[in-house]
Amino acid sequence: MTLRFVGIDPNTTGGGSPTVWVDEEEQEIVIQGWKADRLLTAEVTSTEWVPGHDTGVPSHEAVVRVPARMVPILREACDVAERSGLR
């Protein structure tokens, strides 16, 4: 795996913090965020966001939260991924 660090929550004080990387080999954006609480998870799993699409979160996926202050970092990650050939 070839992870390229893009950025970390600018308000981090140490310990775990929302972080963004690009896996250039797999051509994926990798995001570390805060675990969704029970209420957010319930809303996400019970809503049919796309007509005809299954509801719920598969066991191999997770819902995470990332602060809006990280939008510039996410944009940069998208640019990095695009330049590395992300489909």
C-alpha atoms as a PDB file:
ATOM      1  CA  MET A   1       0.000   0.000   0.000  1.00  0.00           C
ATOM      2  CA  THR A   2       1.275   3.441  -0.905  1.00  0.00           C
ATOM      3  CA  LEU A   3      -0.386   6.034   1.310  1.00  0.00           C
ATOM      4  CA  ARG A   4       0.264   9.693   0.634  1.00  0.00           C
ATOM      5  CA  PHE A   5      -0.585  11.904   3.612  1.00  0.00           C
ATOM      6  CA  VAL A   6      -2.713  14.875   2.562  1.00  0.00           C
ATOM      7  CA  GLY A   7      -3.757  16.517   5.812  1.00  0.00           C
ATOM      8  CA  ILE A   8      -5.026  16.355   9.369  1.00  0.00           C
ATOM      9  CA  ASP A   9      -7.715  18.288  11.221  1.00  0.00           C
ATOM     10  CA  PRO A  10      -6.140  21.730  11.724  1.00  0.00           C
ATOM     11  CA  ASN A  11      -7.619  21.860  15.235  1.00  0.00           C
ATOM     12  CA  THR A  12      -5.866  18.673  16.331  1.00  0.00           C
ATOM     13  CA  THR A  13      -4.201  18.695  19.713  1.00  0.00           C
ATOM     14  CA  GLY A  14      -2.627  15.250  19.521  1.00  0.00           C
ATOM     15  CA  GLY A  15      -4.058  11.777  19.785  1.00  0.00           C
ATOM     16  CA  GLY A  16      -6.527  10.591  17.176  1.00  0.00           C
ATOM     17  CA  SER A  17      -7.749  13.194  14.713  1.00  0.00           C
ATOM     18  CA  PRO A  18      -9.613  13.160  11.411  1.00  0.00           C
ATOM     19  CA  THR A  19      -6.976  12.585   8.738  1.00  0.00           C
ATOM     20  CA  VAL A  20      -6.954  12.220   4.957  1.00  0.00           C
ATOM     21  CA  TRP A  21      -4.627  10.194   2.734  1.00  0.00           C
ATOM     22  CA  VAL A  22      -4.605   9.049  -0.872  1.00  0.00           C
ATOM     23  CA  ASP A  23      -3.704   5.446  -1.639  1.00  0.00           C
ATOM     24  CA  GLU A  24      -2.027   6.023  -4.978  1.00  0.00           C
ATOM     25  CA  GLU A  25      -1.586   2.317  -5.685  1.00  0.00           C
ATOM     26  CA  GLU A  26      -5.270   1.468  -5.159  1.00  0.00           C
ATOM     27  CA  GLN A  27      -6.373   4.906  -6.406  1.00  0.00           C
ATOM     28  CA  GLU A  28      -8.574   5.565  -3.362  1.00  0.00           C
ATOM     29  CA  ILE A  29      -9.098   8.369  -0.881  1.00  0.00           C
ATOM     30  CA  VAL A  30      -8.684   7.128   2.698  1.00  0.00           C
ATOM     31  CA  ILE A  31     -10.414   9.032   5.515  1.00  0.00           C
ATOM     32  CA  GLN A  32     -10.089   8.683   9.272  1.00  0.00           C
ATOM     33  CA  GLY A  33     -12.920  10.387  11.116  1.00  0.00           C
ATOM     34  CA  TRP A  34     -15.005  10.280  14.251  1.00  0.00           C
ATOM     35  CA  LYS A  35     -17.325   7.300  14.638  1.00  0.00           C
ATOM     36  CA  ALA A  36     -20.932   8.156  13.951  1.00  0.00           C
ATOM     37  CA  ASP A  37     -23.102   8.173  17.060  1.00  0.00           C
ATOM     38  CA  ARG A  38     -26.219   6.040  17.463  1.00  0.00           C
ATOM     39  CA  LEU A  39     -28.619   8.695  16.136  1.00  0.00           C
ATOM     40  CA  LEU A  40     -26.607   9.448  13.008  1.00  0.00           C
ATOM     41  CA  THR A  41     -26.114   5.754  12.324  1.00  0.00           C
ATOM     42  CA  ALA A  42     -29.857   5.155  12.721  1.00  0.00           C
ATOM     43  CA  GLU A  43     -30.676   7.926  10.249  1.00  0.00           C
ATOM     44  CA  VAL A  44     -28.123   6.714   7.711  1.00  0.00           C
ATOM     45  CA  THR A  45     -29.164   3.069   7.958  1.00  0.00           C
ATOM     46  CA  SER A  46     -32.932   3.634   7.849  1.00  0.00           C
ATOM     47  CA  THR A  47     -33.140   6.107   4.960  1.00  0.00           C
ATOM     48  CA  GLU A  48     -33.493   5.066   1.322  1.00  0.00           C
ATOM     49  CA  TRP A  49     -31.075   7.665  -0.088  1.00  0.00           C
ATOM     50  CA  VAL A  50     -31.315   6.361  -3.641  1.00  0.00           C
ATOM     51  CA  PRO A  51     -34.630   4.903  -4.830  1.00  0.00           C
ATOM     52  CA  GLY A  52     -34.369   1.132  -5.141  1.00  0.00           C
ATOM     53  CA  HIS A  53     -30.987   0.957  -3.373  1.00  0.00           C
ATOM     54  CA  ASP A  54     -30.607  -1.151  -0.237  1.00  0.00           C
ATOM     55  CA  THR A  55     -30.738   0.672   3.081  1.00  0.00           C
ATOM     56  CA  GLY A  56     -28.249   0.079   5.846  1.00  0.00           C
ATOM     57  CA  VAL A  57     -24.476   0.035   6.067  1.00  0.00           C
ATOM     58  CA  PRO A  58     -22.799  -3.233   5.036  1.00  0.00           C
ATOM     59  CA  SER A  59     -20.505  -4.818   7.597  1.00  0.00           C
ATOM     60  CA  HIS A  60     -17.453  -3.979   5.470  1.00  0.00           C
ATOM     61  CA  GLU A  61     -18.272  -0.226   5.479  1.00  0.00           C
ATOM     62  CA  ALA A  62     -18.471   2.472   8.178  1.00  0.00           C
ATOM     63  CA  VAL A  63     -20.002   5.905   8.666  1.00  0.00           C
ATOM     64  CA  VAL A  64     -17.546   8.546   9.900  1.00  0.00           C
ATOM     65  CA  ARG A  65     -17.754  12.273  10.527  1.00  0.00           C
ATOM     66  CA  VAL A  66     -15.202  14.778   9.285  1.00  0.00           C
ATOM     67  CA  PRO A  67     -15.372  18.465  10.309  1.00  0.00           C
ATOM     68  CA  ALA A  68     -16.249  21.011   7.625  1.00  0.00           C
ATOM     69  CA  ARG A  69     -13.001  22.848   8.404  1.00  0.00           C
ATOM     70  CA  MET A  70     -11.292  19.994   6.560  1.00  0.00           C
ATOM     71  CA  VAL A  71     -12.967  20.806   3.224  1.00  0.00           C
ATOM     72  CA  PRO A  72      -9.713  22.265   1.809  1.00  0.00           C
ATOM     73  CA  ILE A  73      -7.899  19.058   2.769  1.00  0.00           C
ATOM     74  CA  LEU A  74     -10.584  16.918   1.134  1.00  0.00           C
ATOM     75  CA  ARG A  75     -10.374  19.045  -2.017  1.00  0.00           C
ATOM     76  CA  GLU A  76      -6.627  18.569  -2.066  1.00  0.00           C
ATOM     77  CA  ALA A  77      -7.087  14.813  -1.635  1.00  0.00           C
ATOM     78  CA  CYS A  78      -9.452  14.795  -4.605  1.00  0.00           C
ATOM     79  CA  ASP A  79      -6.885  16.682  -6.688  1.00  0.00           C
ATOM     80  CA  VAL A  80      -4.069  14.323  -5.628  1.00  0.00           C
ATOM     81  CA  ALA A  81      -6.195  11.283  -6.392  1.00  0.00           C
ATOM     82  CA  GLU A  82      -7.221  12.666  -9.762  1.00  0.00           C
ATOM     83  CA  ARG A  83      -3.602  13.386 -10.700  1.00  0.00           C
ATOM     84  CA  SER A  84      -2.594   9.872  -9.671  1.00  0.00           C
ATOM     85  CA  GLY A  85      -5.119   8.407 -12.086  1.00  0.00           C
ATOM     86  CA  LEU A  86      -8.172   7.870  -9.865  1.00  0.00           C
ATOM     87  CA  ARG A  87     -10.992   6.627 -12.034  1.00  0.00           C
END
